[in-house]
Amino acid sequence: MSLPVPVTFHHVGITVSNLERAVEWYSKVFGLKPGVALEVSGPSGERVLRLPPHIHRAALLPVGDFAIELLEFEPTRKPMEMRQDDVGYVYTCFAVEDLDDVYQRLTAAGIDFHTEPLVAEEGQIAGSKFCVMRDPDGKTIELVELGPGMRVPALHEAAAAGVDLSDPLIMDG
């Protein structure tokens, strides 16, 4: 087999401290409902994940053509205290149609954001709006209203043309 291997995106996994609480939060805030619920234990789960004996429960919540898998493990390990500038840190970003409206509604519902929506004014990301919040376990969730250059077809077009990593768009908020 030659490389690269063609792929599509299916899901991202987020380990949570309490599966029911996390499902309730993602349902309340984003309207996401479980499409499947699992409980995994025994040798196959240990082999696949390369973990010692454990039980894990999971719920996959569909989001468009993609899903979020929320996972709870027993025994529970201590929460990671990672920041976004730590190698290996992963966060989730949801696209919304009207970020100002979403921000107002979620703020009114008690969701705390790092900042109000910020607007990108230059380069390919111009016209996009961004803001960041946290889920109940402190995981970063970015919300974005996509400007024209951030939509997936525009990203594919730019990737095909070639993007020079040595000449990035310099942003100073």
Protein backbone atom coordinates (compact mmCIF):
# COMPACT_ATOMS: atom_id res chain seq x y z
CA MET A 1 0.00 0.00 0.00
CA SER A 2 1.30 3.42 -0.85
CA LEU A 3 0.93 6.59 1.15
CA PRO A 4 -0.99 8.77 1.73
CA VAL A 5 -4.07 6.78 2.75
CA PRO A 6 -7.36 8.55 1.85
CA VAL A 7 -9.51 9.37 4.89
CA THR A 8 -12.66 11.21 5.91
CA PHE A 9 -13.36 12.54 9.39
CA HIS A 10 -15.73 10.44 11.52
CA HIS A 11 -15.44 11.42 15.18
CA VAL A 12 -13.31 12.94 17.90
CA GLY A 13 -13.19 11.43 21.40
CA ILE A 14 -13.37 13.49 24.58
CA THR A 15 -12.79 11.79 27.94
CA VAL A 16 -15.16 13.19 30.55
CA SER A 17 -15.50 12.77 34.31
CA ASN A 18 -19.24 12.00 34.21
CA LEU A 19 -20.90 10.71 31.03
CA GLU A 20 -24.47 11.61 31.99
CA ARG A 21 -23.50 15.17 32.96
CA ALA A 22 -21.51 15.64 29.74
CA VAL A 23 -24.31 14.28 27.51
CA GLU A 24 -26.81 16.51 29.30
CA TRP A 25 -24.55 19.58 28.82
CA TYR A 26 -23.84 18.96 25.11
CA SER A 27 -27.57 18.32 24.61
CA LYS A 28 -28.64 21.46 26.48
CA VAL A 29 -26.05 23.78 24.93
CA PHE A 30 -25.81 22.44 21.35
CA GLY A 31 -28.90 20.22 20.95
CA LEU A 32 -26.76 17.09 20.42
CA LYS A 33 -28.33 13.72 21.24
CA PRO A 34 -26.61 10.32 21.51
CA GLY A 35 -26.72 8.19 18.37
CA VAL A 36 -25.17 5.19 20.13
CA ALA A 37 -24.25 4.26 23.71
CA LEU A 38 -21.56 1.70 24.52
CA GLU A 39 -20.02 -0.04 27.51
CA VAL A 40 -16.68 -1.70 26.84
CA SER A 41 -14.69 -3.96 29.17
CA GLY A 42 -12.41 -6.94 28.93
CA PRO A 43 -9.44 -7.90 26.79
CA SER A 44 -10.56 -6.37 23.49
CA GLY A 45 -10.96 -2.87 24.97
CA GLU A 46 -7.66 -3.23 26.82
CA ARG A 47 -5.84 -4.31 23.65
CA VAL A 48 -7.33 -1.67 21.38
CA LEU A 49 -6.61 1.19 23.80
CA ARG A 50 -3.44 -0.31 25.34
CA LEU A 51 -4.81 0.29 28.83
CA PRO A 52 -4.87 -1.84 31.96
CA PRO A 53 -8.16 -3.54 32.90
CA HIS A 54 -10.97 -1.00 32.90
CA ILE A 55 -14.55 -0.34 31.94
CA HIS A 56 -15.43 2.55 29.73
CA ARG A 57 -18.78 3.90 28.71
CA ALA A 58 -19.26 6.05 25.66
CA ALA A 59 -21.90 8.01 23.78
CA LEU A 60 -21.49 9.15 20.19
CA LEU A 61 -23.33 12.39 19.46
CA PRO A 62 -23.76 13.12 15.74
CA VAL A 63 -22.96 16.63 14.50
CA GLY A 64 -23.65 16.90 10.76
CA ASP A 65 -21.43 14.36 8.97
CA PHE A 66 -19.27 13.93 12.08
CA ALA A 67 -19.66 12.79 15.70
CA ILE A 68 -18.31 13.56 19.15
CA GLU A 69 -17.59 10.52 21.30
CA LEU A 70 -17.83 11.24 25.01
CA LEU A 71 -16.02 8.60 27.10
CA GLU A 72 -16.03 7.89 30.84
CA PHE A 73 -13.49 5.43 32.28
CA GLU A 74 -13.50 3.34 35.46
CA PRO A 75 -11.27 3.47 37.32
CA THR A 76 -11.22 7.25 37.01
CA ARG A 77 -7.86 8.94 36.64
CA LYS A 78 -6.99 12.45 37.66
CA PRO A 79 -7.99 15.25 35.28
CA MET A 80 -5.26 16.54 32.99
CA GLU A 81 -4.23 20.10 33.59
CA MET A 82 -3.23 20.96 30.05
CA ARG A 83 -3.22 24.29 28.30
CA GLN A 84 -3.69 24.88 24.62
CA ASP A 85 0.03 25.54 24.21
CA ASP A 86 0.89 22.04 25.53
CA VAL A 87 1.94 19.53 22.86
CA GLY A 88 -0.85 17.01 22.34
CA TYR A 89 -3.66 19.33 23.44
CA VAL A 90 -6.82 18.92 21.37
CA TYR A 91 -9.87 21.16 21.26
CA THR A 92 -13.22 21.14 19.48
CA CYS A 93 -14.56 23.85 17.18
CA PHE A 94 -18.20 24.18 16.14
CA ALA A 95 -19.28 26.37 13.22
CA VAL A 96 -22.40 28.46 13.77
CA GLU A 97 -24.38 30.70 11.41
CA ASP A 98 -24.68 33.79 13.64
CA LEU A 99 -22.03 33.88 16.37
CA ASP A 100 -23.25 37.13 17.92
CA ASP A 101 -26.71 35.60 18.46
CA VAL A 102 -25.28 32.30 19.76
CA TYR A 103 -22.93 34.18 22.12
CA GLN A 104 -25.83 36.26 23.51
CA ARG A 105 -28.09 33.22 24.02
CA LEU A 106 -25.38 31.09 25.66
CA THR A 107 -24.19 33.97 27.85
CA ALA A 108 -27.80 34.52 28.99
CA ALA A 109 -27.97 30.78 29.81
CA GLY A 110 -24.93 31.11 32.09
CA ILE A 111 -22.15 29.91 29.77
CA ASP A 112 -18.87 31.71 30.44
CA PHE A 113 -16.74 32.74 27.44
CA HIS A 114 -13.10 33.82 27.42
CA THR A 115 -14.02 36.87 25.29
CA GLU A 116 -16.85 38.26 23.23
CA PRO A 117 -16.76 37.23 19.54
CA LEU A 118 -13.64 38.57 17.82
CA VAL A 119 -13.55 39.33 14.09
CA ALA A 120 -10.60 38.38 11.86
CA GLU A 121 -9.90 41.29 9.53
CA GLU A 122 -7.07 40.11 7.28
CA GLY A 123 -6.08 37.38 4.86
CA GLN A 124 -7.95 34.20 4.08
CA ILE A 125 -9.71 34.16 7.47
CA ALA A 126 -11.09 37.73 7.09
CA GLY A 127 -14.74 37.98 8.05
CA SER A 128 -14.63 34.99 10.38
CA LYS A 129 -15.68 35.49 13.99
CA PHE A 130 -14.33 33.42 16.89
CA CYS A 131 -14.87 32.95 20.61
CA VAL A 132 -13.96 30.27 23.14
CA MET A 133 -15.80 28.61 26.01
CA ARG A 134 -15.26 25.52 28.20
CA ASP A 135 -17.30 22.35 28.73
CA PRO A 136 -18.06 21.05 32.27
CA ASP A 137 -14.64 19.33 32.47
CA GLY A 138 -12.79 22.43 31.27
CA LYS A 139 -12.17 21.31 27.67
CA THR A 140 -11.82 24.15 25.19
CA ILE A 141 -14.68 24.62 22.73
CA GLU A 142 -14.24 27.22 20.02
CA LEU A 143 -17.23 28.64 18.20
CA VAL A 144 -16.69 30.15 14.76
CA GLU A 145 -18.83 31.98 12.24
CA LEU A 146 -17.06 31.17 9.00
CA GLY A 147 -15.93 33.89 6.65
CA PRO A 148 -15.65 32.91 2.96
CA GLY A 149 -11.98 31.85 3.15
CA MET A 150 -12.57 29.54 6.13
CA ARG A 151 -15.29 27.45 4.49
CA VAL A 152 -14.15 23.94 3.62
CA PRO A 153 -14.22 24.41 -0.20
CA ALA A 154 -11.97 27.50 0.15
CA LEU A 155 -9.59 25.56 2.42
CA HIS A 156 -9.41 22.74 -0.15
CA GLU A 157 -8.70 25.27 -2.91
CA ALA A 158 -5.94 26.93 -0.88
CA ALA A 159 -4.44 23.54 0.04
CA ALA A 160 -4.38 22.50 -3.63
CA ALA A 161 -2.64 25.77 -4.53
CA GLY A 162 -0.14 25.25 -1.71
CA VAL A 163 0.16 27.21 1.51
CA ASP A 164 3.62 28.38 2.55
CA LEU A 165 4.09 27.76 6.29
CA SER A 166 7.08 30.12 6.28
CA ASP A 167 4.79 33.02 5.28
CA PRO A 168 1.86 32.91 7.75
CA LEU A 169 -0.83 35.51 8.26
CA ILE A 170 0.38 37.52 11.26
CA MET A 171 -2.46 38.25 13.68
CA ASP A 172 -2.19 40.63 16.60
CA GLY A 173 -5.49 41.03 18.38
